[in-house]
Amino acid sequence: MTRFAHTSLLCLSLLLVASLASSCGDDGNPVDAGDDPSGTGDVPSDDGDDPPTDEGPLGAGPYPIADLTIEYEHASAGVTSTYRITCLGDTATVDGDDVGVTDQAACTALAESAVQARLIDGVPTDRLCTENYGGDDTATITGRIDDVAVDTTVDRANGCGIDEWDNLLSDLLPAPIGVQE
């Protein structure tokens, strides 16, 4: 298609949109006043009979909008669990296997910027970790926080992982089984 044809199509499209926009508005028909008994077309006022609502938009509240699935495994103990954390601003739920994670604590933790950064950005590459072994607990976390994808794994294979599990992410993850003797 030539440059002239592209320009012509663009101009034609803009004219069509402008034409449609100008045709909106007063079409000569009266506005339907609904249940207005006076027939004046005024919107009925609040008579005070209905209880006030404090509902804000979705996401209003202390929690982020989050939906995470966590698959937990401790291979040597034969333990596997799957559970889901859902936070909707003022609502917190944990569904699935009971691993001792509480809904409000989990969603409160997900509101913290350090927790979000670890889950969204993954394992930091610029850190030094001790070579302490904390057990073969592993958690794979997938989902979304505030419409940003999460796909990360947390384990206790070294000091950094132990610290993340026991401190930073402790409200999201089950208590570790620990090193098997």
Protein backbone atom coordinates (compact mmCIF):
# COMPACT_ATOMS: atom_id res chain seq x y z
CA MET A 1 0.00 0.00 0.00
CA THR A 2 1.39 3.43 -0.87
CA ARG A 3 2.06 6.24 1.54
CA PHE A 4 -0.83 8.19 -0.03
CA ALA A 5 -3.20 5.27 0.58
CA HIS A 6 -2.11 5.02 4.25
CA THR A 7 -2.63 8.76 4.73
CA SER A 8 -6.03 8.60 3.04
CA LEU A 9 -7.15 5.69 5.25
CA LEU A 10 -6.00 7.55 8.35
CA CYS A 11 -7.87 10.71 7.33
CA LEU A 12 -11.00 8.71 6.50
CA SER A 13 -10.82 6.97 9.89
CA LEU A 14 -10.45 10.28 11.72
CA LEU A 15 -13.42 11.74 9.83
CA LEU A 16 -15.54 8.72 10.72
CA VAL A 17 -14.65 8.99 14.41
CA ALA A 18 -15.36 12.74 14.41
CA SER A 19 -18.69 12.15 12.69
CA LEU A 20 -19.71 9.51 15.22
CA ALA A 21 -18.64 11.71 18.13
CA SER A 22 -20.63 14.70 16.88
CA SER A 23 -23.74 12.57 16.45
CA CYS A 24 -23.67 11.61 20.14
CA GLY A 25 -25.50 13.88 22.53
CA ASP A 26 -28.91 15.44 22.27
CA ASP A 27 -31.01 13.37 19.91
CA GLY A 28 -34.23 15.12 20.84
CA ASN A 29 -35.43 12.25 23.04
CA PRO A 30 -36.09 12.97 26.71
CA VAL A 31 -33.85 11.33 29.31
CA ASP A 32 -35.50 8.36 31.03
CA ALA A 33 -35.83 9.40 34.66
CA GLY A 34 -36.29 5.83 35.84
CA ASP A 35 -38.24 5.69 39.09
CA ASP A 36 -38.59 9.47 39.41
CA PRO A 37 -42.24 9.96 40.47
CA SER A 38 -42.07 13.74 39.96
CA GLY A 39 -41.40 13.36 36.23
CA THR A 40 -38.84 16.16 36.40
CA GLY A 41 -35.94 14.00 35.27
CA ASP A 42 -34.01 14.70 38.47
CA VAL A 43 -32.02 11.88 39.98
CA PRO A 44 -33.61 10.80 43.28
CA SER A 45 -31.61 11.88 46.32
CA ASP A 46 -30.46 9.63 49.13
CA ASP A 47 -33.27 9.44 51.68
CA GLY A 48 -30.94 8.01 54.35
CA ASP A 49 -32.67 4.63 54.51
CA ASP A 50 -29.77 2.73 52.97
CA PRO A 51 -26.72 2.02 55.15
CA PRO A 52 -23.59 3.88 54.06
CA THR A 53 -20.97 1.88 52.23
CA ASP A 54 -17.27 2.32 52.83
CA GLU A 55 -16.31 0.20 49.86
CA GLY A 56 -13.49 1.58 47.82
CA PRO A 57 -12.25 0.38 44.46
CA LEU A 58 -10.80 -3.11 44.12
CA GLY A 59 -7.43 -3.03 45.80
CA ALA A 60 -8.40 -0.50 48.45
CA GLY A 61 -7.06 -1.76 51.74
CA PRO A 62 -3.76 -2.78 53.26
CA TYR A 63 -3.01 -5.65 50.88
CA PRO A 64 -1.83 -5.65 47.27
CA ILE A 65 -3.77 -7.42 44.54
CA ALA A 66 -2.01 -10.78 44.52
CA ASP A 67 -2.70 -14.35 43.47
CA LEU A 68 0.14 -16.76 44.19
CA THR A 69 0.37 -20.54 44.07
CA ILE A 70 3.06 -22.11 46.21
CA GLU A 71 4.26 -25.65 45.70
CA TYR A 72 6.23 -26.78 48.74
CA GLU A 73 8.40 -29.89 48.85
CA HIS A 74 10.69 -31.55 51.36
CA ALA A 75 11.86 -34.55 49.34
CA SER A 76 13.70 -36.51 52.02
CA ALA A 77 10.65 -36.39 54.33
CA GLY A 78 8.27 -37.18 51.47
CA VAL A 79 6.27 -34.00 52.09
CA THR A 80 4.63 -32.05 49.24
CA SER A 81 1.95 -29.40 49.58
CA THR A 82 0.25 -26.90 47.32
CA TYR A 83 -1.63 -23.85 48.51
CA ARG A 84 -2.81 -20.52 47.11
CA ILE A 85 -2.57 -17.05 48.63
CA THR A 86 -5.06 -14.49 47.30
CA CYS A 87 -5.07 -10.85 48.40
CA LEU A 88 -7.64 -8.34 47.09
CA GLY A 89 -6.87 -5.11 48.90
CA ASP A 90 -9.05 -5.69 51.94
CA THR A 91 -9.51 -9.46 51.59
CA ALA A 92 -6.97 -12.18 52.33
CA THR A 93 -7.37 -15.94 51.77
CA VAL A 94 -5.22 -19.04 51.83
CA ASP A 95 -6.67 -22.12 50.14
CA GLY A 96 -5.30 -25.61 49.62
CA ASP A 97 -3.13 -27.74 51.87
CA ASP A 98 -2.87 -26.53 55.47
CA VAL A 99 0.78 -25.65 55.99
CA GLY A 100 0.35 -23.17 58.82
CA VAL A 101 0.38 -20.04 56.64
CA THR A 102 -2.24 -17.50 57.75
CA ASP A 103 -4.09 -15.33 55.26
CA GLN A 104 -3.68 -11.91 56.92
CA ALA A 105 0.00 -12.42 57.74
CA ALA A 106 0.71 -13.61 54.19
CA CYS A 107 -1.05 -10.67 52.54
CA THR A 108 0.54 -8.19 54.96
CA ALA A 109 3.96 -9.61 54.00
CA LEU A 110 3.10 -9.27 50.29
CA ALA A 111 2.56 -5.53 50.83
CA GLU A 112 6.23 -5.12 51.82
CA SER A 113 8.49 -3.83 49.05
CA ALA A 114 11.41 -6.14 49.97
CA VAL A 115 9.15 -9.21 49.74
CA GLN A 116 7.72 -8.07 46.41
CA ALA A 117 11.19 -7.35 45.04
CA ARG A 118 12.44 -10.84 45.96
CA LEU A 119 9.40 -12.58 44.48
CA ILE A 120 9.27 -10.52 41.29
CA ASP A 121 13.01 -10.06 40.62
CA GLY A 122 14.06 -13.53 41.76
CA VAL A 123 17.26 -14.48 43.55
CA PRO A 124 19.69 -11.56 43.77
CA THR A 125 22.91 -12.33 41.92
CA ASP A 126 25.16 -9.88 43.76
CA ARG A 127 25.21 -11.42 47.23
CA LEU A 128 27.60 -13.60 49.19
CA CYS A 129 26.07 -16.51 51.05
CA THR A 130 27.40 -18.80 53.73
CA GLU A 131 27.56 -22.45 52.81
CA ASN A 132 25.29 -23.54 55.67
CA TYR A 133 22.78 -26.19 54.65
CA GLY A 134 19.27 -25.72 56.02
CA GLY A 135 17.59 -28.80 54.56
CA ASP A 136 15.97 -29.74 51.29
CA ASP A 137 12.85 -27.58 51.74
CA THR A 138 11.96 -26.01 48.39
CA ALA A 139 9.10 -23.69 47.47
CA THR A 140 8.16 -22.73 43.91
CA ILE A 141 6.07 -19.55 43.85
CA THR A 142 4.12 -18.53 40.73
CA GLY A 143 1.36 -16.04 40.03
CA ARG A 144 0.98 -12.27 40.05
CA ILE A 145 1.42 -9.33 42.41
CA ASP A 146 -0.25 -6.11 41.27
CA ASP A 147 -0.36 -7.46 37.71
CA VAL A 148 3.37 -8.29 37.66
CA ALA A 149 4.38 -11.91 37.05
CA VAL A 150 6.00 -13.96 39.80
CA ASP A 151 7.95 -17.14 39.04
CA THR A 152 10.66 -17.94 41.56
CA THR A 153 12.04 -20.71 43.73
CA VAL A 154 13.17 -20.45 47.34
CA ASP A 155 15.27 -23.14 49.00
CA ARG A 156 17.36 -23.60 52.12
CA ALA A 157 20.53 -24.79 50.34
CA ASN A 158 22.69 -21.96 51.75
CA GLY A 159 22.71 -19.12 54.27
CA CYS A 160 20.94 -16.69 51.94
CA GLY A 161 18.11 -19.13 51.30
CA ILE A 162 17.82 -19.92 55.00
CA ASP A 163 17.58 -16.19 55.79
CA GLU A 164 14.94 -15.61 53.10
CA TRP A 165 12.86 -18.56 54.32
CA ASP A 166 13.17 -17.82 58.05
CA ASN A 167 12.89 -14.03 57.91
CA LEU A 168 11.90 -12.28 54.67
CA LEU A 169 9.36 -14.85 53.45
CA SER A 170 8.44 -16.51 56.75
CA ASP A 171 4.78 -15.43 56.55
CA LEU A 172 4.43 -16.97 53.07
CA LEU A 173 6.20 -20.29 53.59
CA PRO A 174 5.64 -23.20 55.97
CA ALA A 175 8.00 -23.74 58.87
CA PRO A 176 11.00 -25.69 57.53
CA ILE A 177 11.35 -29.33 58.39
CA GLY A 178 15.08 -28.76 58.75
CA VAL A 179 18.14 -30.91 58.26
CA GLN A 180 17.41 -34.61 58.67
CA GLU A 181 19.87 -36.38 60.95
